[in-house]
C-alpha atoms as a PDB file:
ATOM      1  CA  MET A   1       1.406   6.689  -1.872  1.00  0.00           C
ATOM      2  CA  ARG A   2       2.674   5.806   2.003  1.00  0.00           C
ATOM      3  CA  LEU A   3       3.168   1.850   1.955  1.00  0.00           C
ATOM      4  CA  ILE A   4       4.255  -0.943   4.236  1.00  0.00           C
ATOM      5  CA  ILE A   5       5.468  -4.279   2.948  1.00  0.00           C
ATOM      6  CA  MET A   6       5.313  -6.854   5.530  1.00  0.00           C
ATOM      7  CA  GLY A   7       5.765 -10.952   5.654  1.00  0.00           C
ATOM      8  CA  PRO A   8       8.022 -13.271   7.290  1.00  0.00           C
ATOM      9  CA  PRO A   9      11.816 -13.089   6.453  1.00  0.00           C
ATOM     10  CA  GLY A  10      11.967 -14.583   2.940  1.00  0.00           C
ATOM     11  CA  ALA A  11       8.637 -13.991   1.576  1.00  0.00           C
ATOM     12  CA  GLY A  12       9.822 -11.668  -1.215  1.00  0.00           C
ATOM     13  CA  LYS A  13       9.318  -8.372   0.179  1.00  0.00           C
ATOM     14  CA  GLY A  14      12.573  -6.746  -1.011  1.00  0.00           C
ATOM     15  CA  THR A  15      12.008  -8.159  -4.808  1.00  0.00           C
ATOM     16  CA  GLN A  16       8.470  -6.695  -4.547  1.00  0.00           C
ATOM     17  CA  ALA A  17       9.081  -3.584  -3.049  1.00  0.00           C
ATOM     18  CA  LYS A  18      11.284  -2.511  -5.855  1.00  0.00           C
ATOM     19  CA  PHE A  19       8.442  -3.088  -8.285  1.00  0.00           C
ATOM     20  CA  ILE A  20       5.732  -1.409  -6.218  1.00  0.00           C
ATOM     21  CA  ALA A  21       8.255   1.719  -5.512  1.00  0.00           C
ATOM     22  CA  GLU A  22       8.995   2.093  -9.117  1.00  0.00           C
ATOM     23  CA  HIS A  23       5.162   1.816 -10.160  1.00  0.00           C
ATOM     24  CA  PHE A  24       4.337   4.604  -7.691  1.00  0.00           C
ATOM     25  CA  GLY A  25       7.558   6.406  -8.266  1.00  0.00           C
ATOM     26  CA  ILE A  26       8.436   6.622  -4.387  1.00  0.00           C
ATOM     27  CA  PRO A  27      11.497   5.173  -2.586  1.00  0.00           C
ATOM     28  CA  ALA A  28      11.514   1.614  -1.355  1.00  0.00           C
ATOM     29  CA  ILE A  29      13.368   2.259   2.277  1.00  0.00           C
ATOM     30  CA  SER A  30      14.536  -1.337   3.575  1.00  0.00           C
ATOM     31  CA  THR A  31      15.929  -1.411   6.971  1.00  0.00           C
ATOM     32  CA  GLY A  32      17.539  -4.556   6.463  1.00  0.00           C
ATOM     33  CA  ASP A  33      19.613  -2.906   3.227  1.00  0.00           C
ATOM     34  CA  ILE A  34      20.704   0.168   5.316  1.00  0.00           C
ATOM     35  CA  PHE A  35      21.801  -2.052   8.331  1.00  0.00           C
ATOM     36  CA  ARG A  36      23.801  -4.241   6.135  1.00  0.00           C
ATOM     37  CA  ALA A  37      25.278  -1.397   4.226  1.00  0.00           C
ATOM     38  CA  ASN A  38      26.493  -0.039   7.738  1.00  0.00           C
ATOM     39  CA  VAL A  39      27.575  -3.426   8.895  1.00  0.00           C
ATOM     40  CA  SER A  40      29.798  -4.092   5.731  1.00  0.00           C
ATOM     41  CA  GLN A  41      31.204  -0.456   6.006  1.00  0.00           C
ATOM     42  CA  GLY A  42      32.113  -1.110   9.767  1.00  0.00           C
ATOM     43  CA  THR A  43      30.349   1.950  11.051  1.00  0.00           C
ATOM     44  CA  PRO A  44      29.360   2.266  14.721  1.00  0.00           C
ATOM     45  CA  LEU A  45      25.860   1.659  13.766  1.00  0.00           C
ATOM     46  CA  GLY A  46      26.961  -1.292  11.540  1.00  0.00           C
ATOM     47  CA  VAL A  47      28.573  -2.814  14.675  1.00  0.00           C
ATOM     48  CA  GLU A  48      26.026  -2.305  17.069  1.00  0.00           C
ATOM     49  CA  ALA A  49      23.319  -3.401  14.473  1.00  0.00           C
ATOM     50  CA  ALA A  50      25.656  -6.540  13.591  1.00  0.00           C
ATOM     51  CA  SER A  51      25.462  -7.825  17.338  1.00  0.00           C
ATOM     52  CA  TYR A  52      21.931  -8.348  17.062  1.00  0.00           C
ATOM     53  CA  MET A  53      21.206  -9.278  13.579  1.00  0.00           C
ATOM     54  CA  ASP A  54      24.062 -12.330  13.809  1.00  0.00           C
ATOM     55  CA  LYS A  55      21.695 -13.682  16.495  1.00  0.00           C
ATOM     56  CA  GLY A  56      18.759 -13.348  14.347  1.00  0.00           C
ATOM     57  CA  GLU A  57      17.336 -10.618  16.837  1.00  0.00           C
ATOM     58  CA  TYR A  58      15.999  -7.000  15.912  1.00  0.00           C
ATOM     59  CA  VAL A  59      18.082  -4.123  16.166  1.00  0.00           C
ATOM     60  CA  PRO A  60      16.501  -1.803  19.133  1.00  0.00           C
ATOM     61  CA  ASP A  61      13.617   0.426  18.426  1.00  0.00           C
ATOM     62  CA  SER A  62      15.816   3.700  19.216  1.00  0.00           C
ATOM     63  CA  VAL A  63      18.404   2.914  16.577  1.00  0.00           C
ATOM     64  CA  THR A  64      15.896   1.809  13.992  1.00  0.00           C
ATOM     65  CA  ASN A  65      13.302   4.551  14.617  1.00  0.00           C
ATOM     66  CA  ARG A  66      16.005   7.455  14.227  1.00  0.00           C
ATOM     67  CA  MET A  67      17.256   5.671  10.941  1.00  0.00           C
ATOM     68  CA  VAL A  68      13.710   5.654   9.713  1.00  0.00           C
ATOM     69  CA  ARG A  69      12.720   9.020  10.766  1.00  0.00           C
ATOM     70  CA  ASN A  70      15.762  10.619   9.001  1.00  0.00           C
ATOM     71  CA  ARG A  71      15.103   8.603   5.773  1.00  0.00           C
ATOM     72  CA  ILE A  72      11.433   9.722   5.162  1.00  0.00           C
ATOM     73  CA  ASP A  73      12.313  13.191   5.998  1.00  0.00           C
ATOM     74  CA  GLU A  74      14.598  13.060   2.785  1.00  0.00           C
ATOM     75  CA  PRO A  75      13.256  14.957  -0.170  1.00  0.00           C
ATOM     76  CA  ASP A  76      12.545  11.935  -2.392  1.00  0.00           C
ATOM     77  CA  ALA A  77      10.086  10.486   0.366  1.00  0.00           C
ATOM     78  CA  ALA A  78       7.923  13.994   0.214  1.00  0.00           C
ATOM     79  CA  LYS A  79       5.243  12.289  -1.980  1.00  0.00           C
ATOM     80  CA  GLY A  80       5.457   8.995  -0.266  1.00  0.00           C
ATOM     81  CA  PHE A  81       7.414   5.670   0.321  1.00  0.00           C
ATOM     82  CA  LEU A  82       7.115   2.014   0.965  1.00  0.00           C
ATOM     83  CA  LEU A  83       8.670   0.850   4.172  1.00  0.00           C
ATOM     84  CA  ASP A  84      10.117  -2.665   4.021  1.00  0.00           C
ATOM     85  CA  GLY A  85      11.373  -3.973   7.615  1.00  0.00           C
ATOM     86  CA  TYR A  86       9.722  -1.386   9.526  1.00  0.00           C
ATOM     87  CA  PRO A  87       7.557  -1.300  11.849  1.00  0.00           C
ATOM     88  CA  ARG A  88       8.516  -4.545  13.392  1.00  0.00           C
ATOM     89  CA  THR A  89       7.125  -4.003  16.980  1.00  0.00           C
ATOM     90  CA  LEU A  90       3.904  -1.940  18.490  1.00  0.00           C
ATOM     91  CA  ALA A  91       5.980   0.792  19.641  1.00  0.00           C
ATOM     92  CA  GLN A  92       7.508   1.106  16.153  1.00  0.00           C
ATOM     93  CA  VAL A  93       3.576   1.409  14.959  1.00  0.00           C
ATOM     94  CA  GLU A  94       3.065   4.137  17.504  1.00  0.00           C
ATOM     95  CA  GLU A  95       6.418   6.015  16.280  1.00  0.00           C
ATOM     96  CA  LEU A  96       5.277   5.536  12.833  1.00  0.00           C
ATOM     97  CA  ASP A  97       2.029   6.929  13.195  1.00  0.00           C
ATOM     98  CA  GLY A  98       3.472  10.177  14.758  1.00  0.00           C
ATOM     99  CA  MET A  99       6.017  10.522  11.832  1.00  0.00           C
ATOM    100  CA  ILE A 100       3.469  10.424   9.152  1.00  0.00           C
ATOM    101  CA  LYS A 101       0.931  12.609  11.243  1.00  0.00           C
ATOM    102  CA  PHE A 102       3.732  15.025  11.303  1.00  0.00           C
ATOM    103  CA  THR A 103       3.816  15.436   7.695  1.00  0.00           C
ATOM    104  CA  GLY A 104      -0.026  15.726   7.482  1.00  0.00           C
ATOM    105  CA  HIS A 105      -0.588  12.263   5.587  1.00  0.00           C
ATOM    106  CA  ALA A 106      -1.564   8.849   6.192  1.00  0.00           C
ATOM    107  CA  LEU A 107      -0.665   5.093   5.924  1.00  0.00           C
ATOM    108  CA  ASP A 108      -2.442   4.232   2.475  1.00  0.00           C
ATOM    109  CA  ALA A 109      -1.894   0.317   2.602  1.00  0.00           C
ATOM    110  CA  VAL A 110      -0.071  -2.509   4.123  1.00  0.00           C
ATOM    111  CA  VAL A 111       0.567  -5.234   1.811  1.00  0.00           C
ATOM    112  CA  VAL A 112       1.327  -8.707   3.640  1.00  0.00           C
ATOM    113  CA  LEU A 113       3.067 -11.285   1.744  1.00  0.00           C
ATOM    114  CA  THR A 114       2.009 -14.919   2.949  1.00  0.00           C
ATOM    115  CA  VAL A 115       4.164 -17.763   1.860  1.00  0.00           C
ATOM    116  CA  ASP A 116       4.682 -21.291   3.354  1.00  0.00           C
ATOM    117  CA  LYS A 117       7.003 -21.783   6.034  1.00  0.00           C
ATOM    118  CA  ASP A 118       8.887 -24.593   4.308  1.00  0.00           C
ATOM    119  CA  GLU A 119       8.966 -22.419   1.073  1.00  0.00           C
ATOM    120  CA  ILE A 120      10.680 -19.449   3.237  1.00  0.00           C
ATOM    121  CA  VAL A 121      13.438 -21.945   4.760  1.00  0.00           C
ATOM    122  CA  GLN A 122      14.356 -22.929   1.059  1.00  0.00           C
ATOM    123  CA  ARG A 123      14.451 -19.597  -0.441  1.00  0.00           C
ATOM    124  CA  LEU A 124      16.569 -18.218   2.550  1.00  0.00           C
ATOM    125  CA  LEU A 125      19.092 -21.057   2.389  1.00  0.00           C
ATOM    126  CA  GLN A 126      19.213 -20.647  -1.280  1.00  0.00           C
ATOM    127  CA  ARG A 127      19.610 -16.844  -1.053  1.00  0.00           C
ATOM    128  CA  ALA A 128      22.523 -17.425   1.553  1.00  0.00           C
ATOM    129  CA  GLU A 129      24.211 -19.650  -0.747  1.00  0.00           C
ATOM    130  CA  LEU A 130      23.885 -17.221  -4.178  1.00  0.00           C
ATOM    131  CA  GLU A 131      24.597 -14.320  -2.130  1.00  0.00           C
ATOM    132  CA  GLY A 132      26.984 -15.212   0.487  1.00  0.00           C
ATOM    133  CA  ARG A 133      25.138 -13.640   3.345  1.00  0.00           C
ATOM    134  CA  ALA A 134      26.562 -15.089   6.595  1.00  0.00           C
ATOM    135  CA  ASP A 135      23.444 -13.842   8.636  1.00  0.00           C
ATOM    136  CA  ASP A 136      20.996 -16.373   6.652  1.00  0.00           C
ATOM    137  CA  THR A 137      22.321 -19.857   8.518  1.00  0.00           C
ATOM    138  CA  ALA A 138      19.665 -22.264   9.187  1.00  0.00           C
ATOM    139  CA  ASP A 139      19.650 -21.481  12.877  1.00  0.00           C
ATOM    140  CA  VAL A 140      19.368 -17.831  12.387  1.00  0.00           C
ATOM    141  CA  ILE A 141      16.559 -18.427   9.954  1.00  0.00           C
ATOM    142  CA  ARG A 142      14.404 -20.607  12.435  1.00  0.00           C
ATOM    143  CA  ARG A 143      15.140 -17.745  14.978  1.00  0.00           C
ATOM    144  CA  ARG A 144      13.863 -14.755  12.569  1.00  0.00           C
ATOM    145  CA  GLN A 145      10.733 -16.812  11.847  1.00  0.00           C
ATOM    146  CA  GLU A 146      10.077 -17.243  15.954  1.00  0.00           C
ATOM    147  CA  VAL A 147      10.752 -13.667  16.506  1.00  0.00           C
ATOM    148  CA  TYR A 148       8.263 -12.378  13.170  1.00  0.00           C
ATOM    149  CA  LEU A 149       5.605 -14.413  14.807  1.00  0.00           C
ATOM    150  CA  GLU A 150       6.111 -13.308  18.353  1.00  0.00           C
ATOM    151  CA  GLU A 151       6.796  -9.512  17.655  1.00  0.00           C
ATOM    152  CA  THR A 152       5.732  -9.053  13.955  1.00  0.00           C
ATOM    153  CA  ALA A 153       2.848 -10.857  13.331  1.00  0.00           C
ATOM    154  CA  PRO A 154       0.449  -8.955  15.914  1.00  0.00           C
ATOM    155  CA  LEU A 155       1.145  -5.750  13.937  1.00  0.00           C
ATOM    156  CA  ILE A 156      -1.009  -7.165  11.029  1.00  0.00           C
ATOM    157  CA  GLU A 157      -3.958  -7.441  13.421  1.00  0.00           C
ATOM    158  CA  VAL A 158      -3.455  -3.470  14.235  1.00  0.00           C
ATOM    159  CA  TYR A 159      -3.418  -2.809  11.120  1.00  0.00           C
ATOM    160  CA  LYS A 160      -6.164  -4.958   9.865  1.00  0.00           C
ATOM    161  CA  GLY A 161      -8.379  -3.157  12.347  1.00  0.00           C
ATOM    162  CA  ARG A 162      -7.593   0.240  10.697  1.00  0.00           C
ATOM    163  CA  GLY A 163      -8.628  -1.582   7.203  1.00  0.00           C
ATOM    164  CA  LEU A 164      -5.356  -1.188   5.388  1.00  0.00           C
ATOM    165  CA  VAL A 165      -4.322  -4.726   5.276  1.00  0.00           C
ATOM    166  CA  HIS A 166      -4.006  -6.528   1.791  1.00  0.00           C
ATOM    167  CA  GLU A 167      -2.993 -10.011   1.997  1.00  0.00           C
ATOM    168  CA  ILE A 168      -1.416 -11.472  -1.321  1.00  0.00           C
ATOM    169  CA  ASP A 169      -0.196 -14.956  -1.934  1.00  0.00           C
ATOM    170  CA  GLY A 170       3.709 -14.771  -2.306  1.00  0.00           C
ATOM    171  CA  LEU A 171       3.914 -17.891  -3.856  1.00  0.00           C
ATOM    172  CA  GLY A 172       4.697 -18.328  -7.564  1.00  0.00           C
ATOM    173  CA  GLU A 173       6.718 -16.373 -10.451  1.00  0.00           C
ATOM    174  CA  VAL A 174       7.742 -12.798  -9.241  1.00  0.00           C
ATOM    175  CA  SER A 175       5.717 -11.606 -12.135  1.00  0.00           C
ATOM    176  CA  GLU A 176       2.597 -13.197 -10.901  1.00  0.00           C
ATOM    177  CA  VAL A 177       2.987 -12.003  -7.413  1.00  0.00           C
ATOM    178  CA  THR A 178       3.558  -8.516  -8.644  1.00  0.00           C
ATOM    179  CA  LYS A 179       0.485  -8.641 -10.518  1.00  0.00           C
ATOM    180  CA  ARG A 180      -1.539  -9.725  -7.621  1.00  0.00           C
ATOM    181  CA  ILE A 181      -0.119  -6.759  -5.801  1.00  0.00           C
ATOM    182  CA  PHE A 182      -0.716  -4.106  -8.407  1.00  0.00           C
ATOM    183  CA  ASP A 183      -4.671  -5.407  -8.556  1.00  0.00           C
ATOM    184  CA  GLU A 184      -4.816  -4.755  -5.198  1.00  0.00           C
ATOM    185  CA  LEU A 185      -3.062  -1.480  -4.659  1.00  0.00           C
ATOM    186  CA  ASP A 186      -4.292   0.393  -7.620  1.00  0.00           C
ATOM    187  CA  ILE A 187      -7.737   0.386  -6.019  1.00  0.00           C
ATOM    188  CA  VAL A 188      -6.250   2.062  -3.073  1.00  0.00           C
ATOM    189  CA  PRO A 189      -6.832   5.767  -2.926  1.00  0.00           C
ATOM    190  CA  GLU A 190      -4.068   8.071  -2.218  1.00  0.00           C
ATOM    191  CA  SER A 191      -4.080   9.934   0.919  1.00  0.00           C
END
């Protein structure tokens, strides 16, 4: 299975990605986790990424595309993967199409978690407090939502046009949301 999980920041993508990846025996590839690891380690990529992330903006496509291409070329992703946080722009959709086509496969599905805006703000503020995430301030959360609406939401329309989108209500207990996702994805034929 080659999957993408989408939704606004705070919709529960990272939590659900772990369950989906385990269910299908594929790696969950989160650009956010990779960027945060580089930032905490102070790598050159991390320093560059932090300058954008601290303002609630996306890391440039050139850096992100290279990172994703390298990651999906790793052996554990040969049978499939779940992308969380990529693609985020129309240019990245095209880049990903090329990466997957090069392997002789196709994208199987795009899971879109839908969550009320107020719920997202509360989730992110709570997460910031629990995990000490400096990048989750109220201003940055609002900016991320704006950027998501401007740049990422239109990608859902592209994938809807390809018949790949499965919209899932992201509200409720984690296990309930997971069951909704599996009920949808277990009917998707693998490419």
